[in-house]
Amino acid sequence: MPTDRSIIDAASGGALVDKTLEAACQLISNMEANSKQFGTHGDIPSKRVNEVSISNLENKVNDLLL
């Protein structure tokens, strides 16, 4: 999986550190605008977990405590 640094370097057409300050700021600004418009991979919904009833287990623990 690519790292954030390699993604930024690829978007900049080379190493970001080789850009001027103005060019680097413009690139990051454009990337920010694009991520707001199109979303990111982090926006993928997480898997849902079904609720599990533990009342039977709770009852057994309570019986042991009594």
PDB file of N, CA and C in Angstrom:
ATOM      1  N   MET A   1       0.845  -1.176   0.000  1.00  0.00           N
ATOM      2  CA  MET A   1       0.000   0.000   0.000  1.00  0.00           C
ATOM      3  C   MET A   1       0.890   1.239   0.000  1.00  0.00           C
ATOM      4  N   PRO A   2       0.604   2.181  -0.880  1.00  0.00           N
ATOM      5  CA  PRO A   2       1.467   3.361  -0.962  1.00  0.00           C
ATOM      6  C   PRO A   2       1.353   4.229   0.290  1.00  0.00           C
ATOM      7  N   THR A   3       2.458   4.846   0.626  1.00  0.00           N
ATOM      8  CA  THR A   3       2.466   5.741   1.777  1.00  0.00           C
ATOM      9  C   THR A   3       1.994   7.122   1.339  1.00  0.00           C
ATOM     10  N   ASP A   4       1.633   7.950   2.312  1.00  0.00           N
ATOM     11  CA  ASP A   4       1.215   9.321   2.001  1.00  0.00           C
ATOM     12  C   ASP A   4       2.320  10.059   1.253  1.00  0.00           C
ATOM     13  N   ARG A   5       3.548   9.819   1.670  1.00  0.00           N
ATOM     14  CA  ARG A   5       4.673  10.504   1.021  1.00  0.00           C
ATOM     15  C   ARG A   5       4.791  10.111  -0.444  1.00  0.00           C
ATOM     16  N   SER A   6       4.653   8.812  -0.736  1.00  0.00           N
ATOM     17  CA  SER A   6       4.786   8.380  -2.132  1.00  0.00           C
ATOM     18  C   SER A   6       3.609   8.877  -2.977  1.00  0.00           C
ATOM     19  N   ILE A   7       2.442   9.003  -2.382  1.00  0.00           N
ATOM     20  CA  ILE A   7       1.282   9.544  -3.100  1.00  0.00           C
ATOM     21  C   ILE A   7       1.520  11.011  -3.445  1.00  0.00           C
ATOM     22  N   ILE A   8       2.025  11.757  -2.479  1.00  0.00           N
ATOM     23  CA  ILE A   8       2.303  13.185  -2.718  1.00  0.00           C
ATOM     24  C   ILE A   8       3.413  13.345  -3.742  1.00  0.00           C
ATOM     25  N   ASP A   9       4.458  12.529  -3.641  1.00  0.00           N
ATOM     26  CA  ASP A   9       5.544  12.598  -4.621  1.00  0.00           C
ATOM     27  C   ASP A   9       5.027  12.274  -6.017  1.00  0.00           C
ATOM     28  N   ALA A  10       4.161  11.268  -6.128  1.00  0.00           N
ATOM     29  CA  ALA A  10       3.606  10.917  -7.441  1.00  0.00           C
ATOM     30  C   ALA A  10       2.744  12.051  -7.982  1.00  0.00           C
ATOM     31  N   ALA A  11       1.956  12.669  -7.122  1.00  0.00           N
ATOM     32  CA  ALA A  11       1.102  13.779  -7.557  1.00  0.00           C
ATOM     33  C   ALA A  11       1.923  14.991  -7.976  1.00  0.00           C
ATOM     34  N   SER A  12       3.096  15.146  -7.388  1.00  0.00           N
ATOM     35  CA  SER A  12       3.919  16.310  -7.708  1.00  0.00           C
ATOM     36  C   SER A  12       4.794  16.082  -8.933  1.00  0.00           C
ATOM     37  N   GLY A  13       4.760  14.866  -9.471  1.00  0.00           N
ATOM     38  CA  GLY A  13       5.583  14.571 -10.635  1.00  0.00           C
ATOM     39  C   GLY A  13       7.044  14.383 -10.274  1.00  0.00           C
ATOM     40  N   GLY A  14       7.314  14.042  -9.052  1.00  0.00           N
ATOM     41  CA  GLY A  14       8.670  13.840  -8.549  1.00  0.00           C
ATOM     42  C   GLY A  14       8.646  14.023  -7.055  1.00  0.00           C
ATOM     43  N   ALA A  15       9.765  14.331  -6.485  1.00  0.00           N
ATOM     44  CA  ALA A  15       9.831  14.531  -5.037  1.00  0.00           C
ATOM     45  C   ALA A  15       9.262  15.901  -4.674  1.00  0.00           C
ATOM     46  N   LEU A  16       8.396  15.923  -3.696  1.00  0.00           N
ATOM     47  CA  LEU A  16       7.795  17.176  -3.253  1.00  0.00           C
ATOM     48  C   LEU A  16       8.863  18.152  -2.772  1.00  0.00           C
ATOM     49  N   VAL A  17       9.921  17.629  -2.168  1.00  0.00           N
ATOM     50  CA  VAL A  17      10.970  18.502  -1.640  1.00  0.00           C
ATOM     51  C   VAL A  17      11.715  19.244  -2.738  1.00  0.00           C
ATOM     52  N   ASP A  18      11.583  18.792  -3.990  1.00  0.00           N
ATOM     53  CA  ASP A  18      12.242  19.481  -5.098  1.00  0.00           C
ATOM     54  C   ASP A  18      11.417  20.651  -5.621  1.00  0.00           C
ATOM     55  N   LYS A  19      10.195  20.814  -5.111  1.00  0.00           N
ATOM     56  CA  LYS A  19       9.318  21.911  -5.551  1.00  0.00           C
ATOM     57  C   LYS A  19       9.662  23.185  -4.785  1.00  0.00           C
ATOM     58  N   THR A  20       9.328  24.310  -5.376  1.00  0.00           N
ATOM     59  CA  THR A  20       9.448  25.571  -4.644  1.00  0.00           C
ATOM     60  C   THR A  20       8.361  25.598  -3.577  1.00  0.00           C
ATOM     61  N   LEU A  21       8.484  26.469  -2.607  1.00  0.00           N
ATOM     62  CA  LEU A  21       7.497  26.576  -1.545  1.00  0.00           C
ATOM     63  C   LEU A  21       6.115  26.874  -2.133  1.00  0.00           C
ATOM     64  N   GLU A  22       6.077  27.784  -3.085  1.00  0.00           N
ATOM     65  CA  GLU A  22       4.800  28.158  -3.694  1.00  0.00           C
ATOM     66  C   GLU A  22       4.180  26.978  -4.448  1.00  0.00           C
ATOM     67  N   ALA A  23       4.990  26.249  -5.207  1.00  0.00           N
ATOM     68  CA  ALA A  23       4.494  25.108  -5.970  1.00  0.00           C
ATOM     69  C   ALA A  23       4.013  23.996  -5.037  1.00  0.00           C
ATOM     70  N   ALA A  24       4.749  23.763  -3.950  1.00  0.00           N
ATOM     71  CA  ALA A  24       4.356  22.729  -2.988  1.00  0.00           C
ATOM     72  C   ALA A  24       3.046  23.106  -2.303  1.00  0.00           C
ATOM     73  N   CYS A  25       2.912  24.360  -1.918  1.00  0.00           N
ATOM     74  CA  CYS A  25       1.674  24.814  -1.277  1.00  0.00           C
ATOM     75  C   CYS A  25       0.493  24.701  -2.230  1.00  0.00           C
ATOM     76  N   GLN A  26       0.686  25.049  -3.488  1.00  0.00           N
ATOM     77  CA  GLN A  26      -0.381  24.953  -4.478  1.00  0.00           C
ATOM     78  C   GLN A  26      -0.792  23.502  -4.698  1.00  0.00           C
ATOM     79  N   LEU A  27       0.181  22.608  -4.779  1.00  0.00           N
ATOM     80  CA  LEU A  27      -0.102  21.193  -4.960  1.00  0.00           C
ATOM     81  C   LEU A  27      -0.916  20.644  -3.791  1.00  0.00           C
ATOM     82  N   ILE A  28      -0.487  20.950  -2.574  1.00  0.00           N
ATOM     83  CA  ILE A  28      -1.192  20.456  -1.391  1.00  0.00           C
ATOM     84  C   ILE A  28      -2.586  21.053  -1.317  1.00  0.00           C
ATOM     85  N   SER A  29      -2.730  22.296  -1.679  1.00  0.00           N
ATOM     86  CA  SER A  29      -4.049  22.934  -1.708  1.00  0.00           C
ATOM     87  C   SER A  29      -4.967  22.244  -2.710  1.00  0.00           C
ATOM     88  N   ASN A  30      -4.435  21.926  -3.895  1.00  0.00           N
ATOM     89  CA  ASN A  30      -5.224  21.223  -4.902  1.00  0.00           C
ATOM     90  C   ASN A  30      -5.615  19.824  -4.432  1.00  0.00           C
ATOM     91  N   MET A  31      -4.678  19.129  -3.785  1.00  0.00           N
ATOM     92  CA  MET A  31      -4.971  17.793  -3.279  1.00  0.00           C
ATOM     93  C   MET A  31      -6.049  17.838  -2.197  1.00  0.00           C
ATOM     94  N   GLU A  32      -6.000  18.859  -1.361  1.00  0.00           N
ATOM     95  CA  GLU A  32      -7.008  19.018  -0.311  1.00  0.00           C
ATOM     96  C   GLU A  32      -8.380  19.258  -0.937  1.00  0.00           C
ATOM     97  N   ALA A  33      -8.443  20.130  -1.935  1.00  0.00           N
ATOM     98  CA  ALA A  33      -9.710  20.416  -2.596  1.00  0.00           C
ATOM     99  C   ALA A  33     -10.274  19.168  -3.274  1.00  0.00           C
ATOM    100  N   ASN A  34      -9.402  18.384  -3.911  1.00  0.00           N
ATOM    101  CA  ASN A  34      -9.850  17.157  -4.562  1.00  0.00           C
ATOM    102  C   ASN A  34     -10.351  16.134  -3.560  1.00  0.00           C
ATOM    103  N   SER A  35      -9.694  16.027  -2.413  1.00  0.00           N
ATOM    104  CA  SER A  35     -10.113  15.028  -1.428  1.00  0.00           C
ATOM    105  C   SER A  35     -11.471  15.397  -0.839  1.00  0.00           C
ATOM    106  N   LYS A  36     -11.753  16.686  -0.720  1.00  0.00           N
ATOM    107  CA  LYS A  36     -13.067  17.114  -0.225  1.00  0.00           C
ATOM    108  C   LYS A  36     -14.140  16.844  -1.265  1.00  0.00           C
ATOM    109  N   GLN A  37     -13.803  17.017  -2.533  1.00  0.00           N
ATOM    110  CA  GLN A  37     -14.774  16.838  -3.600  1.00  0.00           C
ATOM    111  C   GLN A  37     -15.067  15.360  -3.849  1.00  0.00           C
ATOM    112  N   PHE A  38     -14.025  14.534  -3.869  1.00  0.00           N
ATOM    113  CA  PHE A  38     -14.192  13.136  -4.257  1.00  0.00           C
ATOM    114  C   PHE A  38     -14.110  12.157  -3.102  1.00  0.00           C
ATOM    115  N   GLY A  39     -13.738  12.601  -1.921  1.00  0.00           N
ATOM    116  CA  GLY A  39     -13.584  11.693  -0.793  1.00  0.00           C
ATOM    117  C   GLY A  39     -12.252  10.984  -0.855  1.00  0.00           C
ATOM    118  N   THR A  40     -12.000  10.173   0.150  1.00  0.00           N
ATOM    119  CA  THR A  40     -10.751   9.428   0.210  1.00  0.00           C
ATOM    120  C   THR A  40     -11.045   7.969   0.486  1.00  0.00           C
ATOM    121  N   HIS A  41     -10.007   7.156   0.433  1.00  0.00           N
ATOM    122  CA  HIS A  41     -10.169   5.733   0.733  1.00  0.00           C
ATOM    123  C   HIS A  41     -10.598   5.524   2.176  1.00  0.00           C
ATOM    124  N   GLY A  42     -10.293   6.465   3.034  1.00  0.00           N
ATOM    125  CA  GLY A  42     -10.696   6.362   4.436  1.00  0.00           C
ATOM    126  C   GLY A  42     -12.188   6.525   4.633  1.00  0.00           C
ATOM    127  N   ASP A  43     -12.912   6.947   3.588  1.00  0.00           N
ATOM    128  CA  ASP A  43     -14.344   7.144   3.689  1.00  0.00           C
ATOM    129  C   ASP A  43     -15.128   5.858   3.484  1.00  0.00           C
ATOM    130  N   ILE A  44     -14.439   4.755   3.265  1.00  0.00           N
ATOM    131  CA  ILE A  44     -15.114   3.484   3.059  1.00  0.00           C
ATOM    132  C   ILE A  44     -15.789   3.098   4.367  1.00  0.00           C
ATOM    133  N   PRO A  45     -17.097   2.782   4.305  1.00  0.00           N
ATOM    134  CA  PRO A  45     -17.778   2.449   5.555  1.00  0.00           C
ATOM    135  C   PRO A  45     -17.167   1.213   6.214  1.00  0.00           C
ATOM    136  N   SER A  46     -17.094   1.261   7.517  1.00  0.00           N
ATOM    137  CA  SER A  46     -16.530   0.121   8.233  1.00  0.00           C
ATOM    138  C   SER A  46     -17.559  -1.003   8.318  1.00  0.00           C
ATOM    139  N   LYS A  47     -17.074  -2.176   8.573  1.00  0.00           N
ATOM    140  CA  LYS A  47     -17.960  -3.322   8.690  1.00  0.00           C
ATOM    141  C   LYS A  47     -18.760  -3.194   9.976  1.00  0.00           C
ATOM    142  N   ARG A  48     -20.006  -3.590   9.909  1.00  0.00           N
ATOM    143  CA  ARG A  48     -20.859  -3.529  11.082  1.00  0.00           C
ATOM    144  C   ARG A  48     -20.723  -4.821  11.884  1.00  0.00           C
ATOM    145  N   VAL A  49     -20.838  -4.681  13.160  1.00  0.00           N
ATOM    146  CA  VAL A  49     -20.792  -5.832  14.045  1.00  0.00           C
ATOM    147  C   VAL A  49     -22.168  -5.977  14.670  1.00  0.00           C
ATOM    148  N   ASN A  50     -22.711  -7.165  14.583  1.00  0.00           N
ATOM    149  CA  ASN A  50     -24.022  -7.405  15.163  1.00  0.00           C
ATOM    150  C   ASN A  50     -23.935  -7.416  16.684  1.00  0.00           C
ATOM    151  N   GLU A  51     -24.983  -6.910  17.307  1.00  0.00           N
ATOM    152  CA  GLU A  51     -25.039  -6.905  18.754  1.00  0.00           C
ATOM    153  C   GLU A  51     -25.215  -8.341  19.254  1.00  0.00           C
ATOM    154  N   VAL A  52     -24.523  -8.662  20.310  1.00  0.00           N
ATOM    155  CA  VAL A  52     -24.588 -10.009  20.870  1.00  0.00           C
ATOM    156  C   VAL A  52     -25.175  -9.909  22.268  1.00  0.00           C
ATOM    157  N   SER A  53     -26.125 -10.754  22.537  1.00  0.00           N
ATOM    158  CA  SER A  53     -26.732 -10.774  23.858  1.00  0.00           C
ATOM    159  C   SER A  53     -25.852 -11.578  24.802  1.00  0.00           C
ATOM    160  N   ILE A  54     -25.526 -10.979  25.940  1.00  0.00           N
ATOM    161  CA  ILE A  54     -24.702 -11.683  26.913  1.00  0.00           C
ATOM    162  C   ILE A  54     -25.473 -11.898  28.210  1.00  0.00           C
ATOM    163  N   SER A  55     -26.796 -11.787  28.138  1.00  0.00           N
ATOM    164  CA  SER A  55     -27.595 -11.905  29.357  1.00  0.00           C
ATOM    165  C   SER A  55     -27.401 -13.259  30.023  1.00  0.00           C
ATOM    166  N   ASN A  56     -27.289 -14.338  29.254  1.00  0.00           N
ATOM    167  CA  ASN A  56     -27.093 -15.660  29.836  1.00  0.00           C
ATOM    168  C   ASN A  56     -25.782 -15.712  30.610  1.00  0.00           C
ATOM    169  N   LEU A  57     -24.725 -15.139  30.034  1.00  0.00           N
ATOM    170  CA  LEU A  57     -23.433 -15.097  30.706  1.00  0.00           C
ATOM    171  C   LEU A  57     -23.509 -14.228  31.956  1.00  0.00           C
ATOM    172  N   GLU A  58     -24.190 -13.088  31.859  1.00  0.00           N
ATOM    173  CA  GLU A  58     -24.352 -12.214  33.016  1.00  0.00           C
ATOM    174  C   GLU A  58     -25.085 -12.934  34.135  1.00  0.00           C
ATOM    175  N   ASN A  59     -26.105 -13.677  33.786  1.00  0.00           N
ATOM    176  CA  ASN A  59     -26.868 -14.435  34.798  1.00  0.00           C
ATOM    177  C   ASN A  59     -25.976 -15.443  35.509  1.00  0.00           C
ATOM    178  N   LYS A  60     -25.126 -16.129  34.757  1.00  0.00           N
ATOM    179  CA  LYS A  60     -24.234 -17.112  35.345  1.00  0.00           C
ATOM    180  C   LYS A  60     -23.231 -16.463  36.299  1.00  0.00           C
ATOM    181  N   VAL A  61     -22.713 -15.296  35.912  1.00  0.00           N
ATOM    182  CA  VAL A  61     -21.773 -14.571  36.774  1.00  0.00           C
ATOM    183  C   VAL A  61     -22.484 -14.110  38.023  1.00  0.00           C
ATOM    184  N   ASN A  62     -23.685 -13.581  37.875  1.00  0.00           N
ATOM    185  CA  ASN A  62     -24.452 -13.137  39.040  1.00  0.00           C
ATOM    186  C   ASN A  62     -24.763 -14.284  39.984  1.00  0.00           C
ATOM    187  N   ASP A  63     -25.069 -15.460  39.429  1.00  0.00           N
ATOM    188  CA  ASP A  63     -25.336 -16.637  40.265  1.00  0.00           C
ATOM    189  C   ASP A  63     -24.091 -17.025  41.066  1.00  0.00           C
ATOM    190  N   LEU A  64     -22.916 -16.870  40.449  1.00  0.00           N
ATOM    191  CA  LEU A  64     -21.671 -17.199  41.152  1.00  0.00           C
ATOM    192  C   LEU A  64     -21.399 -16.220  42.296  1.00  0.00           C
ATOM    193  N   LEU A  65     -21.804 -14.977  42.111  1.00  0.00           N
ATOM    194  CA  LEU A  65     -21.551 -13.939  43.123  1.00  0.00           C
ATOM    195  C   LEU A  65     -22.504 -14.071  44.299  1.00  0.00           C
ATOM    196  N   LEU A  66     -23.629 -14.694  44.109  1.00  0.00           N
ATOM    197  CA  LEU A  66     -24.619 -14.800  45.202  1.00  0.00           C
ATOM    198  C   LEU A  66     -24.339 -15.897  46.160  1.00  0.00           C
TER     199      LEU A  66
END
